[in-house]
């Protein structure tokens, strides 16, 4: 039921997301990220939890907050992801979209 969705990206990566060697909380997070189910301000506004005037990124960059922005294009959180990857001794390249 969780994996039946119209989102082709989630459907094509179902085997990798729900791998038994991956901790469940990581699988849930990956599924929510790829199916745009994270509680970002754009999703919370769409569900009428936040008001329309709360649409900007919490990183203070004055951009609309959505998953793509938070994980790939936000200056504030981009530096955070880079610092975490550097601390873990991983060399990563961030794509422009999920």
PDB file of N, CA and C in Angstrom:
ATOM      1  N   UNK A   1       0.819  -1.185   0.000  1.00  0.00           N
ATOM      2  CA  UNK A   1       0.000   0.000   0.000  1.00  0.00           C
ATOM      3  C   UNK A   1       0.870   1.259   0.000  1.00  0.00           C
ATOM      4  N   UNK A   2       1.967   1.261   0.769  1.00  0.00           N
ATOM      5  CA  UNK A   2       2.840   2.428   0.813  1.00  0.00           C
ATOM      6  C   UNK A   2       3.563   2.662  -0.503  1.00  0.00           C
ATOM      7  N   UNK A   3       3.895   1.590  -1.201  1.00  0.00           N
ATOM      8  CA  UNK A   3       4.665   1.752  -2.419  1.00  0.00           C
ATOM      9  C   UNK A   3       3.809   1.907  -3.658  1.00  0.00           C
ATOM     10  N   UNK A   4       2.500   1.732  -3.578  1.00  0.00           N
ATOM     11  CA  UNK A   4       1.655   1.917  -4.747  1.00  0.00           C
ATOM     12  C   UNK A   4       1.336   3.393  -4.908  1.00  0.00           C
ATOM     13  N   UNK A   5       2.011   4.015  -5.856  1.00  0.00           N
ATOM     14  CA  UNK A   5       1.869   5.445  -6.080  1.00  0.00           C
ATOM     15  C   UNK A   5       2.067   5.738  -7.554  1.00  0.00           C
ATOM     16  N   UNK A   6       1.626   6.888  -7.966  1.00  0.00           N
ATOM     17  CA  UNK A   6       1.800   7.273  -9.354  1.00  0.00           C
ATOM     18  C   UNK A   6       3.180   7.863  -9.602  1.00  0.00           C
ATOM     19  N   UNK A   7       3.937   8.100  -8.566  1.00  0.00           N
ATOM     20  CA  UNK A   7       5.273   8.661  -8.697  1.00  0.00           C
ATOM     21  C   UNK A   7       6.217   7.590  -9.233  1.00  0.00           C
ATOM     22  N   UNK A   8       6.691   7.760 -10.466  1.00  0.00           N
ATOM     23  CA  UNK A   8       7.552   6.763 -11.099  1.00  0.00           C
ATOM     24  C   UNK A   8       8.882   6.603 -10.387  1.00  0.00           C
ATOM     25  N   UNK A   9       9.427   7.685  -9.815  1.00  0.00           N
ATOM     26  CA  UNK A   9      10.703   7.611  -9.130  1.00  0.00           C
ATOM     27  C   UNK A   9      10.618   6.681  -7.924  1.00  0.00           C
ATOM     28  N   UNK A  10       9.572   6.798  -7.155  1.00  0.00           N
ATOM     29  CA  UNK A  10       9.386   5.917  -6.002  1.00  0.00           C
ATOM     30  C   UNK A  10       9.160   4.484  -6.481  1.00  0.00           C
ATOM     31  N   UNK A  11       8.362   4.314  -7.521  1.00  0.00           N
ATOM     32  CA  UNK A  11       8.058   2.978  -8.033  1.00  0.00           C
ATOM     33  C   UNK A  11       9.304   2.279  -8.557  1.00  0.00           C
ATOM     34  N   UNK A  12      10.216   3.011  -9.210  1.00  0.00           N
ATOM     35  CA  UNK A  12      11.418   2.381  -9.756  1.00  0.00           C
ATOM     36  C   UNK A  12      12.463   2.094  -8.687  1.00  0.00           C
ATOM     37  N   UNK A  13      12.397   2.759  -7.539  1.00  0.00           N
ATOM     38  CA  UNK A  13      13.383   2.549  -6.483  1.00  0.00           C
ATOM     39  C   UNK A  13      12.805   1.833  -5.262  1.00  0.00           C
ATOM     40  N   UNK A  14      11.694   1.178  -5.431  1.00  0.00           N
ATOM     41  CA  UNK A  14      11.041   0.494  -4.322  1.00  0.00           C
ATOM     42  C   UNK A  14      11.950  -0.557  -3.689  1.00  0.00           C
ATOM     43  N   UNK A  15      12.647  -1.320  -4.509  1.00  0.00           N
ATOM     44  CA  UNK A  15      13.505  -2.387  -3.991  1.00  0.00           C
ATOM     45  C   UNK A  15      14.641  -1.821  -3.133  1.00  0.00           C
ATOM     46  N   UNK A  16      15.222  -0.692  -3.569  1.00  0.00           N
ATOM     47  CA  UNK A  16      16.309  -0.083  -2.804  1.00  0.00           C
ATOM     48  C   UNK A  16      15.798   0.573  -1.525  1.00  0.00           C
ATOM     49  N   UNK A  17      14.635   1.206  -1.601  1.00  0.00           N
ATOM     50  CA  UNK A  17      14.097   1.908  -0.428  1.00  0.00           C
ATOM     51  C   UNK A  17      13.721   0.929   0.675  1.00  0.00           C
ATOM     52  N   UNK A  18      13.064  -0.158   0.330  1.00  0.00           N
ATOM     53  CA  UNK A  18      12.568  -1.096   1.330  1.00  0.00           C
ATOM     54  C   UNK A  18      13.497  -2.292   1.494  1.00  0.00           C
ATOM     55  N   UNK A  19      14.788  -2.074   1.353  1.00  0.00           N
ATOM     56  CA  UNK A  19      15.799  -3.110   1.553  1.00  0.00           C
ATOM     57  C   UNK A  19      15.856  -3.472   3.038  1.00  0.00           C
ATOM     58  N   UNK A  20      15.928  -4.760   3.342  1.00  0.00           N
ATOM     59  CA  UNK A  20      15.930  -5.210   4.750  1.00  0.00           C
ATOM     60  C   UNK A  20      17.183  -4.793   5.503  1.00  0.00           C
ATOM     61  N   UNK A  21      18.278  -4.496   4.787  1.00  0.00           N
ATOM     62  CA  UNK A  21      19.518  -4.091   5.451  1.00  0.00           C
ATOM     63  C   UNK A  21      19.515  -2.603   5.815  1.00  0.00           C
ATOM     64  N   UNK A  22      18.570  -1.855   5.294  1.00  0.00           N
ATOM     65  CA  UNK A  22      18.453  -0.426   5.592  1.00  0.00           C
ATOM     66  C   UNK A  22      17.523  -0.265   6.791  1.00  0.00           C
ATOM     67  N   UNK A  23      17.922   0.524   7.793  1.00  0.00           N
ATOM     68  CA  UNK A  23      17.030   0.734   8.944  1.00  0.00           C
ATOM     69  C   UNK A  23      15.676   1.306   8.496  1.00  0.00           C
ATOM     70  N   UNK A  24      14.627   0.893   9.177  1.00  0.00           N
ATOM     71  CA  UNK A  24      13.270   1.275   8.799  1.00  0.00           C
ATOM     72  C   UNK A  24      13.090   2.791   8.766  1.00  0.00           C
ATOM     73  N   UNK A  25      13.654   3.516   9.731  1.00  0.00           N
ATOM     74  CA  UNK A  25      13.471   4.965   9.745  1.00  0.00           C
ATOM     75  C   UNK A  25      14.137   5.616   8.533  1.00  0.00           C
ATOM     76  N   UNK A  26      15.212   5.050   8.022  1.00  0.00           N
ATOM     77  CA  UNK A  26      15.863   5.571   6.816  1.00  0.00           C
ATOM     78  C   UNK A  26      15.002   5.276   5.597  1.00  0.00           C
ATOM     79  N   UNK A  27      14.426   4.077   5.536  1.00  0.00           N
ATOM     80  CA  UNK A  27      13.539   3.718   4.429  1.00  0.00           C
ATOM     81  C   UNK A  27      12.312   4.625   4.407  1.00  0.00           C
ATOM     82  N   UNK A  28      11.719   4.872   5.556  1.00  0.00           N
ATOM     83  CA  UNK A  28      10.556   5.760   5.634  1.00  0.00           C
ATOM     84  C   UNK A  28      10.905   7.179   5.201  1.00  0.00           C
ATOM     85  N   UNK A  29      12.073   7.656   5.643  1.00  0.00           N
ATOM     86  CA  UNK A  29      12.499   8.992   5.255  1.00  0.00           C
ATOM     87  C   UNK A  29      12.716   9.077   3.746  1.00  0.00           C
ATOM     88  N   UNK A  30      13.373   8.086   3.156  1.00  0.00           N
ATOM     89  CA  UNK A  30      13.615   8.072   1.704  1.00  0.00           C
ATOM     90  C   UNK A  30      12.301   8.027   0.948  1.00  0.00           C
ATOM     91  N   UNK A  31      11.365   7.204   1.401  1.00  0.00           N
ATOM     92  CA  UNK A  31      10.060   7.122   0.742  1.00  0.00           C
ATOM     93  C   UNK A  31       9.336   8.465   0.824  1.00  0.00           C
ATOM     94  N   UNK A  32       9.374   9.088   2.005  1.00  0.00           N
ATOM     95  CA  UNK A  32       8.700  10.379   2.164  1.00  0.00           C
ATOM     96  C   UNK A  32       9.363  11.463   1.328  1.00  0.00           C
ATOM     97  N   UNK A  33      10.695  11.439   1.226  1.00  0.00           N
ATOM     98  CA  UNK A  33      11.401  12.426   0.411  1.00  0.00           C
ATOM     99  C   UNK A  33      11.054  12.258  -1.065  1.00  0.00           C
ATOM    100  N   UNK A  34      11.129  11.029  -1.581  1.00  0.00           N
ATOM    101  CA  UNK A  34      10.884  10.791  -2.999  1.00  0.00           C
ATOM    102  C   UNK A  34       9.421  10.970  -3.390  1.00  0.00           C
ATOM    103  N   UNK A  35       8.504  10.800  -2.452  1.00  0.00           N
ATOM    104  CA  UNK A  35       7.090  10.987  -2.782  1.00  0.00           C
ATOM    105  C   UNK A  35       6.553  12.341  -2.294  1.00  0.00           C
ATOM    106  N   UNK A  36       7.458  13.246  -1.927  1.00  0.00           N
ATOM    107  CA  UNK A  36       7.122  14.601  -1.487  1.00  0.00           C
ATOM    108  C   UNK A  36       6.129  14.589  -0.327  1.00  0.00           C
ATOM    109  N   UNK A  37       6.428  13.821   0.693  1.00  0.00           N
ATOM    110  CA  UNK A  37       5.575  13.718   1.880  1.00  0.00           C
ATOM    111  C   UNK A  37       6.246  14.247   3.146  1.00  0.00           C
ATOM    112  N   UNK A  38       7.353  14.962   3.011  1.00  0.00           N
ATOM    113  CA  UNK A  38       8.005  15.549   4.179  1.00  0.00           C
ATOM    114  C   UNK A  38       7.240  16.791   4.631  1.00  0.00           C
ATOM    115  N   UNK A  39       7.267  17.109   5.922  1.00  0.00           N
ATOM    116  CA  UNK A  39       6.518  18.270   6.416  1.00  0.00           C
ATOM    117  C   UNK A  39       7.238  19.594   6.141  1.00  0.00           C
ATOM    118  N   UNK A  40       7.461  19.884   4.871  1.00  0.00           N
ATOM    119  CA  UNK A  40       8.041  21.164   4.481  1.00  0.00           C
ATOM    120  C   UNK A  40       6.930  22.203   4.480  1.00  0.00           C
ATOM    121  N   UNK A  41       7.297  23.462   4.476  1.00  0.00           N
ATOM    122  CA  UNK A  41       6.258  24.494   4.577  1.00  0.00           C
ATOM    123  C   UNK A  41       5.289  24.460   3.401  1.00  0.00           C
ATOM    124  N   UNK A  42       5.762  24.120   2.192  1.00  0.00           N
ATOM    125  CA  UNK A  42       4.821  24.059   1.070  1.00  0.00           C
ATOM    126  C   UNK A  42       3.780  22.972   1.270  1.00  0.00           C
ATOM    127  N   UNK A  43       4.180  21.827   1.822  1.00  0.00           N
ATOM    128  CA  UNK A  43       3.217  20.750   2.104  1.00  0.00           C
ATOM    129  C   UNK A  43       2.285  21.110   3.266  1.00  0.00           C
ATOM    130  N   UNK A  44       2.816  21.781   4.276  1.00  0.00           N
ATOM    131  CA  UNK A  44       1.984  22.169   5.414  1.00  0.00           C
ATOM    132  C   UNK A  44       0.986  23.261   5.034  1.00  0.00           C
ATOM    133  N   UNK A  45       1.372  24.161   4.140  1.00  0.00           N
ATOM    134  CA  UNK A  45       0.441  25.183   3.639  1.00  0.00           C
ATOM    135  C   UNK A  45      -0.646  24.518   2.803  1.00  0.00           C
ATOM    136  N   UNK A  46      -0.257  23.563   1.982  1.00  0.00           N
ATOM    137  CA  UNK A  46      -1.229  22.842   1.140  1.00  0.00           C
ATOM    138  C   UNK A  46      -2.268  22.104   1.978  1.00  0.00           C
ATOM    139  N   UNK A  47      -1.857  21.616   3.148  1.00  0.00           N
ATOM    140  CA  UNK A  47      -2.772  20.894   4.038  1.00  0.00           C
ATOM    141  C   UNK A  47      -3.468  21.818   5.039  1.00  0.00           C
ATOM    142  N   UNK A  48      -3.286  23.129   4.880  1.00  0.00           N
ATOM    143  CA  UNK A  48      -3.910  24.161   5.719  1.00  0.00           C
ATOM    144  C   UNK A  48      -3.484  24.058   7.181  1.00  0.00           C
ATOM    145  N   UNK A  49      -2.235  23.671   7.413  1.00  0.00           N
ATOM    146  CA  UNK A  49      -1.684  23.626   8.763  1.00  0.00           C
ATOM    147  C   UNK A  49      -0.963  24.940   9.069  1.00  0.00           C
ATOM    148  N   UNK A  50      -0.269  25.478   8.053  1.00  0.00           N
ATOM    149  CA  UNK A  50       0.383  26.781   8.177  1.00  0.00           C
ATOM    150  C   UNK A  50      -0.336  27.793   7.302  1.00  0.00           C
ATOM    151  N   UNK A  51      -0.186  29.056   7.657  1.00  0.00           N
ATOM    152  CA  UNK A  51      -0.758  30.132   6.851  1.00  0.00           C
ATOM    153  C   UNK A  51       0.137  30.417   5.648  1.00  0.00           C
ATOM    154  N   UNK A  52      -0.428  31.025   4.644  1.00  0.00           N
ATOM    155  CA  UNK A  52       0.272  31.314   3.392  1.00  0.00           C
ATOM    156  C   UNK A  52       1.511  32.186   3.610  1.00  0.00           C
ATOM    157  N   UNK A  53       1.504  33.052   4.632  1.00  0.00           N
ATOM    158  CA  UNK A  53       2.637  33.952   4.859  1.00  0.00           C
ATOM    159  C   UNK A  53       3.843  33.248   5.484  1.00  0.00           C
ATOM    160  N   UNK A  54       3.759  31.966   5.798  1.00  0.00           N
ATOM    161  CA  UNK A  54       4.868  31.215   6.394  1.00  0.00           C
ATOM    162  C   UNK A  54       5.559  30.338   5.364  1.00  0.00           C
ATOM    163  N   UNK A  55       5.606  30.783   4.115  1.00  0.00           N
ATOM    164  CA  UNK A  55       6.088  29.927   3.041  1.00  0.00           C
ATOM    165  C   UNK A  55       7.602  29.952   2.829  1.00  0.00           C
ATOM    166  N   UNK A  56       8.317  30.820   3.511  1.00  0.00           N
ATOM    167  CA  UNK A  56       9.739  30.958   3.253  1.00  0.00           C
ATOM    168  C   UNK A  56      10.578  29.970   4.053  1.00  0.00           C
ATOM    169  N   UNK A  57      11.739  29.664   3.531  1.00  0.00           N
ATOM    170  CA  UNK A  57      12.667  28.689   4.107  1.00  0.00           C
ATOM    171  C   UNK A  57      13.091  29.102   5.519  1.00  0.00           C
ATOM    172  N   UNK A  58      13.197  28.136   6.406  1.00  0.00           N
ATOM    173  CA  UNK A  58      13.613  28.415   7.781  1.00  0.00           C
ATOM    174  C   UNK A  58      15.102  28.725   7.866  1.00  0.00           C
ATOM    175  N   UNK A  59      15.843  28.503   6.779  1.00  0.00           N
ATOM    176  CA  UNK A  59      17.264  28.830   6.743  1.00  0.00           C
ATOM    177  C   UNK A  59      17.538  30.307   6.553  1.00  0.00           C
ATOM    178  N   UNK A  60      16.483  31.098   6.322  1.00  0.00           N
ATOM    179  CA  UNK A  60      16.631  32.535   6.199  1.00  0.00           C
ATOM    180  C   UNK A  60      17.078  33.006   4.824  1.00  0.00           C
ATOM    181  N   UNK A  61      16.863  32.200   3.797  1.00  0.00           N
ATOM    182  CA  UNK A  61      17.324  32.573   2.451  1.00  0.00           C
ATOM    183  C   UNK A  61      16.218  33.207   1.614  1.00  0.00           C
ATOM    184  N   UNK A  62      15.039  33.415   2.176  1.00  0.00           N
ATOM    185  CA  UNK A  62      13.904  34.053   1.504  1.00  0.00           C
ATOM    186  C   UNK A  62      13.453  33.343   0.233  1.00  0.00           C
ATOM    187  N   UNK A  63      13.572  32.043   0.206  1.00  0.00           N
ATOM    188  CA  UNK A  63      13.076  31.222  -0.905  1.00  0.00           C
ATOM    189  C   UNK A  63      11.928  30.362  -0.393  1.00  0.00           C
ATOM    190  N   UNK A  64      11.068  29.928  -1.300  1.00  0.00           N
ATOM    191  CA  UNK A  64       9.966  29.030  -0.944  1.00  0.00           C
ATOM    192  C   UNK A  64      10.545  27.695  -0.485  1.00  0.00           C
ATOM    193  N   UNK A  65      10.110  27.227   0.681  1.00  0.00           N
ATOM    194  CA  UNK A  65      10.653  25.990   1.230  1.00  0.00           C
ATOM    195  C   UNK A  65       9.898  24.785   0.689  1.00  0.00           C
ATOM    196  N   UNK A  66      10.614  23.910  -0.009  1.00  0.00           N
ATOM    197  CA  UNK A  66      10.109  22.608  -0.412  1.00  0.00           C
ATOM    198  C   UNK A  66      11.270  21.625  -0.280  1.00  0.00           C
ATOM    199  N   UNK A  67      11.021  20.350  -0.502  1.00  0.00           N
ATOM    200  CA  UNK A  67      12.061  19.335  -0.309  1.00  0.00           C
ATOM    201  C   UNK A  67      13.247  19.572  -1.234  1.00  0.00           C
ATOM    202  N   UNK A  68      12.978  19.920  -2.477  1.00  0.00           N
ATOM    203  CA  UNK A  68      14.069  20.167  -3.434  1.00  0.00           C
ATOM    204  C   UNK A  68      14.954  21.300  -2.937  1.00  0.00           C
ATOM    205  N   UNK A  69      14.333  22.370  -2.478  1.00  0.00           N
ATOM    206  CA  UNK A  69      15.107  23.509  -1.984  1.00  0.00           C
ATOM    207  C   UNK A  69      15.924  23.138  -0.747  1.00  0.00           C
ATOM    208  N   UNK A  70      15.287  22.502   0.234  1.00  0.00           N
ATOM    209  CA  UNK A  70      15.984  22.174   1.485  1.00  0.00           C
ATOM    210  C   UNK A  70      17.175  21.254   1.294  1.00  0.00           C
ATOM    211  N   UNK A  71      17.043  20.284   0.409  1.00  0.00           N
ATOM    212  CA  UNK A  71      18.101  19.284   0.264  1.00  0.00           C
ATOM    213  C   UNK A  71      19.119  19.606  -0.820  1.00  0.00           C
ATOM    214  N   UNK A  72      18.775  20.473  -1.784  1.00  0.00           N
ATOM    215  CA  UNK A  72      19.682  20.645  -2.908  1.00  0.00           C
ATOM    216  C   UNK A  72      20.071  22.073  -3.251  1.00  0.00           C
ATOM    217  N   UNK A  73      19.267  23.076  -2.913  1.00  0.00           N
ATOM    218  CA  UNK A  73      19.620  24.414  -3.384  1.00  0.00           C
ATOM    219  C   UNK A  73      19.688  25.487  -2.298  1.00  0.00           C
ATOM    220  N   UNK A  74      19.355  25.171  -1.079  1.00  0.00           N
ATOM    221  CA  UNK A  74      19.416  26.152   0.004  1.00  0.00           C
ATOM    222  C   UNK A  74      20.871  26.372   0.427  1.00  0.00           C
ATOM    223  N   UNK A  75      21.287  27.635   0.473  1.00  0.00           N
ATOM    224  CA  UNK A  75      22.656  27.945   0.879  1.00  0.00           C
ATOM    225  C   UNK A  75      22.927  27.503   2.319  1.00  0.00           C
ATOM    226  N   UNK A  76      21.999  27.788   3.214  1.00  0.00           N
ATOM    227  CA  UNK A  76      22.186  27.461   4.627  1.00  0.00           C
ATOM    228  C   UNK A  76      22.285  25.951   4.840  1.00  0.00           C
ATOM    229  N   UNK A  77      21.316  25.208   4.344  1.00  0.00           N
ATOM    230  CA  UNK A  77      21.312  23.763   4.557  1.00  0.00           C
ATOM    231  C   UNK A  77      22.313  23.049   3.655  1.00  0.00           C
ATOM    232  N   UNK A  78      22.662  23.649   2.517  1.00  0.00           N
ATOM    233  CA  UNK A  78      23.714  23.082   1.668  1.00  0.00           C
ATOM    234  C   UNK A  78      25.035  23.023   2.401  1.00  0.00           C
ATOM    235  N   UNK A  79      25.337  24.097   3.124  1.00  0.00           N
ATOM    236  CA  UNK A  79      26.565  24.122   3.932  1.00  0.00           C
ATOM    237  C   UNK A  79      26.498  23.075   5.045  1.00  0.00           C
ATOM    238  N   UNK A  80      25.315  22.902   5.612  1.00  0.00           N
ATOM    239  CA  UNK A  80      25.135  21.903   6.661  1.00  0.00           C
ATOM    240  C   UNK A  80      25.372  20.488   6.121  1.00  0.00           C
ATOM    241  N   UNK A  81      24.761  20.157   4.959  1.00  0.00           N
ATOM    242  CA  UNK A  81      24.946  18.821   4.369  1.00  0.00           C
ATOM    243  C   UNK A  81      26.408  18.598   3.997  1.00  0.00           C
ATOM    244  N   UNK A  82      27.062  19.647   3.474  1.00  0.00           N
ATOM    245  CA  UNK A  82      28.480  19.531   3.133  1.00  0.00           C
ATOM    246  C   UNK A  82      29.312  19.285   4.385  1.00  0.00           C
ATOM    247  N   UNK A  83      29.030  20.013   5.456  1.00  0.00           N
ATOM    248  CA  UNK A  83      29.782  19.830   6.706  1.00  0.00           C
ATOM    249  C   UNK A  83      29.598  18.429   7.275  1.00  0.00           C
ATOM    250  N   UNK A  84      28.375  17.929   7.219  1.00  0.00           N
ATOM    251  CA  UNK A  84      28.114  16.573   7.722  1.00  0.00           C
ATOM    252  C   UNK A  84      28.862  15.541   6.883  1.00  0.00           C
ATOM    253  N   UNK A  85      28.811  15.679   5.555  1.00  0.00           N
ATOM    254  CA  UNK A  85      29.506  14.716   4.697  1.00  0.00           C
ATOM    255  C   UNK A  85      31.017  14.795   4.895  1.00  0.00           C
ATOM    256  N   UNK A  86      31.541  15.998   5.085  1.00  0.00           N
ATOM    257  CA  UNK A  86      32.979  16.166   5.333  1.00  0.00           C
ATOM    258  C   UNK A  86      33.360  15.531   6.672  1.00  0.00           C
ATOM    259  N   UNK A  87      32.543  15.741   7.692  1.00  0.00           N
ATOM    260  CA  UNK A  87      32.780  15.167   9.013  1.00  0.00           C
ATOM    261  C   UNK A  87      32.781  13.640   8.958  1.00  0.00           C
ATOM    262  N   UNK A  88      31.896  13.062   8.101  1.00  0.00           N
ATOM    263  CA  UNK A  88      31.834  11.610   7.952  1.00  0.00           C
ATOM    264  C   UNK A  88      32.853  11.063   6.946  1.00  0.00           C
ATOM    265  N   UNK A  89      33.678  11.946   6.392  1.00  0.00           N
ATOM    266  CA  UNK A  89      34.695  11.604   5.390  1.00  0.00           C
ATOM    267  C   UNK A  89      34.097  11.033   4.111  1.00  0.00           C
ATOM    268  N   UNK A  90      32.949  11.561   3.713  1.00  0.00           N
ATOM    269  CA  UNK A  90      32.320  11.195   2.449  1.00  0.00           C
ATOM    270  C   UNK A  90      32.477  12.343   1.475  1.00  0.00           C
ATOM    271  N   UNK A  91      32.773  12.007   0.239  1.00  0.00           N
ATOM    272  CA  UNK A  91      32.843  13.008  -0.816  1.00  0.00           C
ATOM    273  C   UNK A  91      31.600  12.829  -1.672  1.00  0.00           C
ATOM    274  N   UNK A  92      30.735  13.808  -1.639  1.00  0.00           N
ATOM    275  CA  UNK A  92      29.462  13.676  -2.346  1.00  0.00           C
ATOM    276  C   UNK A  92      29.266  14.855  -3.298  1.00  0.00           C
ATOM    277  N   UNK A  93      28.484  14.590  -4.330  1.00  0.00           N
ATOM    278  CA  UNK A  93      28.087  15.617  -5.267  1.00  0.00           C
ATOM    279  C   UNK A  93      26.583  15.710  -5.168  1.00  0.00           C
ATOM    280  N   UNK A  94      26.056  16.901  -4.921  1.00  0.00           N
ATOM    281  CA  UNK A  94      24.629  17.074  -4.751  1.00  0.00           C
ATOM    282  C   UNK A  94      23.974  17.299  -6.105  1.00  0.00           C
ATOM    283  N   UNK A  95      22.956  16.505  -6.441  1.00  0.00           N
ATOM    284  CA  UNK A  95      22.244  16.730  -7.704  1.00  0.00           C
ATOM    285  C   UNK A  95      21.331  17.947  -7.574  1.00  0.00           C
ATOM    286  N   UNK A  96      20.824  18.413  -8.700  1.00  0.00           N
ATOM    287  CA  UNK A  96      19.949  19.582  -8.690  1.00  0.00           C
ATOM    288  C   UNK A  96      18.496  19.243  -8.420  1.00  0.00           C
ATOM    289  N   UNK A  97      18.110  17.971  -8.492  1.00  0.00           N
ATOM    290  CA  UNK A  97      16.732  17.564  -8.218  1.00  0.00           C
ATOM    291  C   UNK A  97      16.724  16.155  -7.651  1.00  0.00           C
ATOM    292  N   UNK A  98      15.634  15.809  -7.005  1.00  0.00           N
ATOM    293  CA  UNK A  98      15.492  14.501  -6.365  1.00  0.00           C
ATOM    294  C   UNK A  98      15.508  13.430  -7.425  1.00  0.00           C
TER     295      UNK A  98
END
